[in-house]
Amino acid sequence: MSNDLPRRQKINIELAEKANNTHLKNILSKLLPRRDRNKEKIMFECECSDPQCNKKVPLTIEEYEHYHKNAKQFILAKGHTAREIEKPVFKKKSYTVVKKYSLS
């Protein structure tokens, strides 16, 4: 993980990844029948602060929407938490949901 980046730049990188994932989710929501939204796993981009990260996080559309109801929450590949800008709030085998300390 790229620890030498300024705090605000790390948050900006994560915001960009989250925006890309939200765009993907919106497209797939239109294509997938509602009954399949909790069955099919989609490989979303890790929303961590490492600009070189290419890890994927497998989630259903419903899981993605659930975690992002809180705008300060991001979904990261396991082990990608930057503790200076976020704290873990939920952990699964392959990913961690984190909450930003501050987005201001």
N, C-alpha and C. Protein backbone atom coordinates (compact mmCIF):
# COMPACT_ATOMS: atom_id res chain seq x y z
N MET A 1 0.84 -1.17 0.00
CA MET A 1 0.00 0.00 0.00
C MET A 1 0.88 1.23 0.00
N SER A 2 0.44 2.24 -0.66
CA SER A 2 1.23 3.46 -0.82
C SER A 2 1.02 4.38 0.38
N ASN A 3 1.89 4.27 1.40
CA ASN A 3 1.76 5.05 2.62
C ASN A 3 2.35 6.44 2.52
N ASP A 4 3.09 6.76 1.46
CA ASP A 4 3.76 8.05 1.36
C ASP A 4 2.87 9.14 0.76
N LEU A 5 1.65 8.81 0.36
CA LEU A 5 0.73 9.80 -0.20
C LEU A 5 0.10 10.64 0.92
N PRO A 6 -0.17 11.92 0.66
CA PRO A 6 -0.88 12.74 1.65
C PRO A 6 -2.27 12.18 1.92
N ARG A 7 -2.76 12.43 3.11
CA ARG A 7 -4.06 11.90 3.56
C ARG A 7 -5.19 12.23 2.57
N ARG A 8 -5.27 13.48 2.15
CA ARG A 8 -6.35 13.91 1.24
C ARG A 8 -6.24 13.20 -0.11
N GLN A 9 -5.04 12.98 -0.61
CA GLN A 9 -4.86 12.30 -1.88
C GLN A 9 -5.33 10.84 -1.78
N LYS A 10 -5.08 10.20 -0.65
CA LYS A 10 -5.55 8.83 -0.44
C LYS A 10 -7.07 8.77 -0.50
N ILE A 11 -7.71 9.73 0.15
CA ILE A 11 -9.18 9.77 0.14
C ILE A 11 -9.70 10.02 -1.27
N ASN A 12 -9.05 10.92 -2.03
CA ASN A 12 -9.47 11.20 -3.40
C ASN A 12 -9.38 9.96 -4.28
N ILE A 13 -8.33 9.17 -4.12
CA ILE A 13 -8.18 7.93 -4.89
C ILE A 13 -9.33 6.98 -4.56
N GLU A 14 -9.65 6.86 -3.28
CA GLU A 14 -10.74 5.97 -2.88
C GLU A 14 -12.09 6.47 -3.41
N LEU A 15 -12.29 7.79 -3.41
CA LEU A 15 -13.54 8.34 -3.95
C LEU A 15 -13.68 8.04 -5.44
N ALA A 16 -12.59 8.10 -6.18
CA ALA A 16 -12.63 7.80 -7.61
C ALA A 16 -12.97 6.34 -7.85
N GLU A 17 -12.39 5.43 -7.08
CA GLU A 17 -12.71 4.00 -7.23
C GLU A 17 -14.16 3.73 -6.89
N LYS A 18 -14.66 4.38 -5.84
CA LYS A 18 -16.06 4.20 -5.46
C LYS A 18 -16.99 4.69 -6.57
N ALA A 19 -16.64 5.81 -7.20
CA ALA A 19 -17.45 6.34 -8.29
C ALA A 19 -17.47 5.37 -9.48
N ASN A 20 -16.32 4.78 -9.81
CA ASN A 20 -16.28 3.79 -10.90
C ASN A 20 -17.15 2.59 -10.58
N ASN A 21 -17.08 2.11 -9.34
CA ASN A 21 -17.89 0.96 -8.94
C ASN A 21 -19.38 1.29 -8.97
N THR A 22 -19.73 2.49 -8.54
CA THR A 22 -21.14 2.89 -8.55
C THR A 22 -21.67 2.94 -9.98
N HIS A 23 -20.86 3.43 -10.89
CA HIS A 23 -21.25 3.46 -12.31
C HIS A 23 -21.47 2.03 -12.83
N LEU A 24 -20.55 1.12 -12.53
CA LEU A 24 -20.70 -0.28 -12.93
C LEU A 24 -21.97 -0.89 -12.33
N LYS A 25 -22.19 -0.64 -11.05
CA LYS A 25 -23.38 -1.16 -10.38
C LYS A 25 -24.65 -0.65 -11.03
N ASN A 26 -24.70 0.62 -11.40
CA ASN A 26 -25.88 1.20 -12.03
C ASN A 26 -26.17 0.57 -13.38
N ILE A 27 -25.14 0.32 -14.16
CA ILE A 27 -25.31 -0.34 -15.46
C ILE A 27 -25.83 -1.76 -15.28
N LEU A 28 -25.19 -2.51 -14.37
CA LEU A 28 -25.59 -3.90 -14.16
C LEU A 28 -26.98 -4.02 -13.54
N SER A 29 -27.37 -3.05 -12.73
CA SER A 29 -28.71 -3.06 -12.14
C SER A 29 -29.78 -3.00 -13.21
N LYS A 30 -29.48 -2.29 -14.28
CA LYS A 30 -30.44 -2.18 -15.38
C LYS A 30 -30.50 -3.47 -16.20
N LEU A 31 -29.39 -4.20 -16.24
CA LEU A 31 -29.31 -5.41 -17.07
C LEU A 31 -29.74 -6.68 -16.36
N LEU A 32 -29.45 -6.76 -15.05
CA LEU A 32 -29.78 -7.98 -14.30
C LEU A 32 -31.22 -7.93 -13.81
N PRO A 33 -31.96 -9.01 -13.97
CA PRO A 33 -33.30 -9.06 -13.38
C PRO A 33 -33.20 -8.90 -11.86
N ARG A 34 -34.18 -8.27 -11.25
CA ARG A 34 -34.16 -8.02 -9.81
C ARG A 34 -33.93 -9.30 -9.01
N ARG A 35 -34.49 -10.41 -9.44
CA ARG A 35 -34.36 -11.67 -8.70
C ARG A 35 -32.92 -12.19 -8.67
N ASP A 36 -32.08 -11.73 -9.59
CA ASP A 36 -30.69 -12.20 -9.66
C ASP A 36 -29.69 -11.27 -8.97
N ARG A 37 -30.16 -10.15 -8.45
CA ARG A 37 -29.25 -9.15 -7.87
C ARG A 37 -28.59 -9.62 -6.57
N ASN A 38 -29.17 -10.64 -5.93
CA ASN A 38 -28.56 -11.16 -4.72
C ASN A 38 -27.92 -12.52 -4.97
N LYS A 39 -27.86 -12.94 -6.21
CA LYS A 39 -27.28 -14.24 -6.55
C LYS A 39 -25.93 -14.10 -7.25
N GLU A 40 -25.87 -13.23 -8.23
CA GLU A 40 -24.68 -13.08 -9.07
C GLU A 40 -23.62 -12.22 -8.38
N LYS A 41 -22.41 -12.75 -8.24
CA LYS A 41 -21.30 -11.97 -7.68
C LYS A 41 -20.64 -11.17 -8.81
N ILE A 42 -20.43 -9.91 -8.56
CA ILE A 42 -19.78 -8.99 -9.49
C ILE A 42 -18.39 -8.70 -8.92
N MET A 43 -17.40 -8.61 -9.77
CA MET A 43 -16.04 -8.30 -9.31
C MET A 43 -15.84 -6.79 -9.34
N PHE A 44 -16.07 -6.15 -8.19
CA PHE A 44 -15.90 -4.71 -8.06
C PHE A 44 -14.44 -4.39 -7.76
N GLU A 45 -14.02 -3.19 -8.16
CA GLU A 45 -12.66 -2.72 -7.86
C GLU A 45 -12.51 -2.48 -6.37
N CYS A 46 -11.35 -2.80 -5.83
CA CYS A 46 -11.02 -2.44 -4.45
C CYS A 46 -11.03 -0.91 -4.37
N GLU A 47 -11.64 -0.39 -3.33
CA GLU A 47 -11.77 1.06 -3.17
C GLU A 47 -10.71 1.62 -2.21
N CYS A 48 -9.53 1.03 -2.24
CA CYS A 48 -8.46 1.46 -1.34
C CYS A 48 -7.73 2.68 -1.91
N SER A 49 -6.77 3.18 -1.12
CA SER A 49 -6.05 4.40 -1.49
C SER A 49 -4.79 4.15 -2.30
N ASP A 50 -4.52 2.92 -2.67
CA ASP A 50 -3.32 2.60 -3.46
C ASP A 50 -3.63 2.77 -4.95
N PRO A 51 -3.03 3.76 -5.62
CA PRO A 51 -3.33 3.99 -7.04
C PRO A 51 -2.90 2.83 -7.94
N GLN A 52 -2.04 1.94 -7.46
CA GLN A 52 -1.58 0.79 -8.25
C GLN A 52 -2.41 -0.48 -7.99
N CYS A 53 -3.34 -0.42 -7.06
CA CYS A 53 -4.12 -1.60 -6.69
C CYS A 53 -4.99 -2.07 -7.86
N ASN A 54 -4.99 -3.37 -8.09
CA ASN A 54 -5.86 -3.96 -9.12
C ASN A 54 -6.66 -5.13 -8.56
N LYS A 55 -6.81 -5.17 -7.24
CA LYS A 55 -7.58 -6.25 -6.59
C LYS A 55 -9.07 -6.06 -6.86
N LYS A 56 -9.77 -7.17 -6.88
CA LYS A 56 -11.22 -7.18 -7.07
C LYS A 56 -11.89 -7.71 -5.81
N VAL A 57 -13.11 -7.24 -5.57
CA VAL A 57 -13.90 -7.66 -4.42
C VAL A 57 -15.21 -8.24 -4.94
N PRO A 58 -15.48 -9.54 -4.69
CA PRO A 58 -16.71 -10.16 -5.17
C PRO A 58 -17.90 -9.82 -4.28
N LEU A 59 -18.90 -9.14 -4.86
CA LEU A 59 -20.11 -8.75 -4.14
C LEU A 59 -21.32 -8.88 -5.04
N THR A 60 -22.47 -9.14 -4.44
CA THR A 60 -23.71 -9.02 -5.21
C THR A 60 -24.07 -7.53 -5.27
N ILE A 61 -24.96 -7.17 -6.15
CA ILE A 61 -25.40 -5.78 -6.24
C ILE A 61 -26.06 -5.37 -4.93
N GLU A 62 -26.85 -6.26 -4.33
CA GLU A 62 -27.50 -5.93 -3.07
C GLU A 62 -26.50 -5.70 -1.95
N GLU A 63 -25.44 -6.50 -1.89
CA GLU A 63 -24.40 -6.29 -0.88
C GLU A 63 -23.73 -4.94 -1.09
N TYR A 64 -23.39 -4.64 -2.34
CA TYR A 64 -22.74 -3.36 -2.66
C TYR A 64 -23.62 -2.19 -2.21
N GLU A 65 -24.90 -2.24 -2.56
CA GLU A 65 -25.82 -1.16 -2.19
C GLU A 65 -25.96 -1.05 -0.67
N HIS A 66 -26.01 -2.17 0.01
CA HIS A 66 -26.15 -2.17 1.47
C HIS A 66 -24.97 -1.46 2.14
N TYR A 67 -23.75 -1.81 1.76
CA TYR A 67 -22.57 -1.21 2.37
C TYR A 67 -22.43 0.27 2.03
N HIS A 68 -22.90 0.67 0.87
CA HIS A 68 -22.75 2.07 0.46
C HIS A 68 -23.93 2.95 0.82
N LYS A 69 -24.86 2.45 1.63
CA LYS A 69 -25.93 3.33 2.14
C LYS A 69 -25.32 4.46 2.95
N ASN A 70 -24.21 4.17 3.61
CA ASN A 70 -23.46 5.20 4.34
C ASN A 70 -22.37 5.71 3.41
N ALA A 71 -22.41 6.99 3.07
CA ALA A 71 -21.46 7.56 2.11
C ALA A 71 -20.02 7.52 2.58
N LYS A 72 -19.79 7.36 3.88
CA LYS A 72 -18.42 7.31 4.40
C LYS A 72 -17.84 5.90 4.37
N GLN A 73 -18.61 4.92 3.93
CA GLN A 73 -18.14 3.54 3.89
C GLN A 73 -17.58 3.18 2.52
N PHE A 74 -16.48 2.42 2.55
CA PHE A 74 -15.81 1.96 1.34
C PHE A 74 -15.53 0.47 1.50
N ILE A 75 -15.43 -0.24 0.39
CA ILE A 75 -15.18 -1.68 0.41
C ILE A 75 -13.78 -1.94 -0.15
N LEU A 76 -12.95 -2.54 0.69
CA LEU A 76 -11.55 -2.77 0.34
C LEU A 76 -11.23 -4.25 0.32
N ALA A 77 -10.28 -4.63 -0.51
CA ALA A 77 -9.76 -5.99 -0.47
C ALA A 77 -9.11 -6.21 0.90
N LYS A 78 -9.12 -7.43 1.35
CA LYS A 78 -8.56 -7.76 2.66
C LYS A 78 -7.11 -7.26 2.76
N GLY A 79 -6.81 -6.57 3.87
CA GLY A 79 -5.45 -6.09 4.10
C GLY A 79 -5.13 -4.73 3.49
N HIS A 80 -6.10 -4.06 2.90
CA HIS A 80 -5.84 -2.79 2.22
C HIS A 80 -6.25 -1.56 3.03
N THR A 81 -6.56 -1.74 4.29
CA THR A 81 -6.99 -0.63 5.13
C THR A 81 -5.83 0.33 5.43
N ALA A 82 -6.09 1.62 5.27
CA ALA A 82 -5.12 2.67 5.64
C ALA A 82 -5.64 3.28 6.95
N ARG A 83 -5.12 2.81 8.06
CA ARG A 83 -5.67 3.18 9.37
C ARG A 83 -5.61 4.66 9.69
N GLU A 84 -4.78 5.43 9.00
CA GLU A 84 -4.73 6.86 9.27
C GLU A 84 -5.93 7.62 8.68
N ILE A 85 -6.68 7.00 7.78
CA ILE A 85 -7.84 7.68 7.18
C ILE A 85 -9.15 6.93 7.35
N GLU A 86 -9.10 5.68 7.87
CA GLU A 86 -10.32 4.88 7.96
C GLU A 86 -10.20 3.82 9.05
N LYS A 87 -11.37 3.34 9.50
CA LYS A 87 -11.38 2.27 10.47
C LYS A 87 -12.29 1.15 9.96
N PRO A 88 -11.90 -0.11 10.19
CA PRO A 88 -12.74 -1.23 9.77
C PRO A 88 -14.05 -1.26 10.56
N VAL A 89 -15.16 -1.51 9.86
CA VAL A 89 -16.45 -1.65 10.54
C VAL A 89 -17.07 -3.02 10.33
N PHE A 90 -16.58 -3.75 9.31
CA PHE A 90 -17.12 -5.07 9.02
C PHE A 90 -16.08 -5.84 8.20
N LYS A 91 -15.86 -7.09 8.58
CA LYS A 91 -14.87 -7.90 7.85
C LYS A 91 -15.50 -9.19 7.35
N LYS A 92 -15.16 -9.54 6.13
CA LYS A 92 -15.50 -10.83 5.53
C LYS A 92 -14.20 -11.49 5.12
N LYS A 93 -14.30 -12.69 4.59
CA LYS A 93 -13.09 -13.45 4.22
C LYS A 93 -12.23 -12.70 3.20
N SER A 94 -12.84 -12.11 2.18
CA SER A 94 -12.07 -11.51 1.09
C SER A 94 -12.09 -9.99 1.06
N TYR A 95 -12.81 -9.35 1.98
CA TYR A 95 -12.87 -7.89 1.96
C TYR A 95 -13.17 -7.32 3.34
N THR A 96 -12.94 -6.01 3.46
CA THR A 96 -13.23 -5.26 4.68
C THR A 96 -14.02 -4.01 4.29
N VAL A 97 -15.07 -3.72 5.05
CA VAL A 97 -15.80 -2.47 4.87
C VAL A 97 -15.23 -1.50 5.90
N VAL A 98 -14.84 -0.32 5.42
CA VAL A 98 -14.24 0.67 6.30
C VAL A 98 -15.08 1.95 6.30
N LYS A 99 -14.90 2.73 7.34
CA LYS A 99 -15.56 4.04 7.43
C LYS A 99 -14.48 5.10 7.56
N LYS A 100 -14.60 6.13 6.73
CA LYS A 100 -13.64 7.24 6.75
C LYS A 100 -13.80 8.03 8.05
N TYR A 101 -12.67 8.49 8.61
CA TYR A 101 -12.71 9.34 9.79
C TYR A 101 -13.36 10.67 9.45
N SER A 102 -13.00 11.23 8.27
CA SER A 102 -13.58 12.50 7.85
C SER A 102 -13.39 12.64 6.35
N LEU A 103 -14.41 13.12 5.69
CA LEU A 103 -14.29 13.39 4.25
C LEU A 103 -14.19 14.89 3.99
N SER A 104 -13.95 15.67 5.02
CA SER A 104 -13.83 17.13 4.84
C SER A 104 -12.38 17.54 4.86
